[in-house]
Amino acid sequence: LTSRFSAPSELPLRVDFGGGWLDVPRFAEPGEYIVNCTISPLVSLFDWPFHKCAGLGGSAAWSLLNGHDPVSKELDLGVGWQDPAVIQETGLCVWESGPS
């Protein structure tokens, strides 16, 4: 069944409005929130119109574009889950912090 799925060809990146780092397990605070949204233009493996390492969720997008599990990749790096979450959900998102 998983052989029928493919990585997306384009994705948005994201900006944070509040609660940055509250998605990182060691900084999670029950009852607190993370607010962010996706931005355009979209990025792809062949077209990346933003500066790399700009803090826009690029490592999560790159992982997802390459067909990897971006949440696991981000948590392995010691960062949080909100980048791949908002990139996959798109739009304006509000996430509750707390233990995973």
Protein backbone atom coordinates (compact mmCIF):
# COMPACT_ATOMS: atom_id res chain seq x y z
CA LEU A 1 0.00 0.00 0.00
CA THR A 2 2.75 2.49 0.87
CA SER A 3 4.26 2.06 -2.61
CA ARG A 4 1.21 3.95 -3.96
CA PHE A 5 2.13 7.11 -2.06
CA SER A 6 4.64 9.61 -3.33
CA ALA A 7 6.29 12.69 -1.94
CA PRO A 8 4.63 16.00 -2.81
CA SER A 9 6.23 17.96 -5.63
CA GLU A 10 5.69 21.39 -4.00
CA LEU A 11 5.13 22.65 -0.46
CA PRO A 12 4.75 25.94 1.37
CA LEU A 13 7.12 27.08 4.10
CA ARG A 14 5.93 28.68 7.36
CA VAL A 15 6.25 31.69 9.63
CA ASP A 16 5.59 31.75 13.38
CA PHE A 17 3.47 34.35 15.12
CA GLY A 18 3.90 33.06 18.66
CA GLY A 19 4.90 30.13 20.80
CA GLY A 20 8.04 29.19 18.93
CA TRP A 21 9.93 26.30 20.55
CA LEU A 22 6.83 25.19 22.52
CA ASP A 23 6.61 22.25 20.09
CA VAL A 24 10.03 20.99 21.22
CA PRO A 25 9.39 18.28 23.81
CA ARG A 26 11.85 19.69 26.38
CA PHE A 27 10.24 23.15 26.16
CA ALA A 28 6.59 22.07 25.88
CA GLU A 29 4.20 23.81 28.28
CA PRO A 30 0.69 22.42 28.83
CA GLY A 31 -1.95 25.07 28.22
CA GLU A 32 0.28 27.17 25.93
CA TYR A 33 -0.14 27.55 22.16
CA ILE A 34 1.86 27.81 18.96
CA VAL A 35 0.46 30.02 16.18
CA ASN A 36 1.84 29.91 12.65
CA CYS A 37 0.87 29.92 8.99
CA THR A 38 2.17 28.79 5.66
CA ILE A 39 3.53 31.21 3.07
CA SER A 40 3.98 31.29 -0.66
CA PRO A 41 5.59 30.96 -3.12
CA LEU A 42 5.78 27.20 -2.84
CA VAL A 43 9.13 25.40 -2.78
CA SER A 44 10.21 22.25 -4.60
CA LEU A 45 13.38 20.20 -4.91
CA PHE A 46 14.20 22.24 -8.03
CA ASP A 47 12.88 25.70 -7.11
CA TRP A 48 13.60 27.20 -3.69
CA PRO A 49 12.99 30.97 -3.87
CA PHE A 50 13.81 31.56 -0.18
CA HIS A 51 17.19 31.82 1.54
CA LYS A 52 18.10 28.39 2.93
CA CYS A 53 18.44 28.27 6.75
CA ALA A 54 16.02 31.21 6.98
CA GLY A 55 14.01 29.71 9.83
CA LEU A 56 10.97 29.04 7.67
CA GLY A 57 10.65 25.29 8.24
CA GLY A 58 12.90 24.41 5.34
CA SER A 59 14.40 21.26 6.84
CA ALA A 60 10.91 19.81 7.34
CA ALA A 61 9.87 20.75 3.81
CA TRP A 62 13.07 19.28 2.34
CA SER A 63 12.52 16.04 4.26
CA LEU A 64 8.91 15.76 3.09
CA LEU A 65 9.81 16.58 -0.53
CA ASN A 66 12.34 13.73 -0.39
CA GLY A 67 9.72 11.28 0.84
CA HIS A 68 10.89 11.06 4.47
CA ASP A 69 8.89 11.33 7.70
CA PRO A 70 9.49 14.99 8.57
CA VAL A 71 8.23 14.80 12.17
CA SER A 72 10.71 12.04 13.05
CA LYS A 73 13.51 13.86 11.22
CA GLU A 74 12.81 17.12 13.09
CA LEU A 75 12.57 15.42 16.49
CA ASP A 76 15.83 13.56 15.75
CA LEU A 77 17.44 16.98 15.18
CA GLY A 78 16.24 18.09 18.61
CA VAL A 79 13.69 20.52 17.25
CA GLY A 80 9.91 20.33 17.20
CA TRP A 81 7.01 18.97 15.23
CA GLN A 82 5.20 22.19 14.25
CA ASP A 83 7.15 22.84 11.02
CA PRO A 84 6.07 19.64 9.27
CA ALA A 85 2.62 19.88 10.83
CA VAL A 86 1.77 23.33 9.46
CA ILE A 87 3.45 22.59 6.12
CA GLN A 88 1.18 19.57 5.68
CA GLU A 89 -1.98 21.26 7.01
CA THR A 90 -1.34 24.67 5.37
CA GLY A 91 -3.10 27.91 6.23
CA LEU A 92 -3.27 29.53 9.65
CA CYS A 93 -2.82 26.99 12.47
CA VAL A 94 -3.04 27.05 16.25
CA TRP A 95 -1.42 24.10 18.02
CA GLU A 96 -1.58 23.22 21.70
CA SER A 97 1.76 22.69 23.41
CA GLY A 98 2.32 19.94 25.93
CA PRO A 99 3.78 16.48 26.21
CA SER A 100 3.59 14.43 23.02
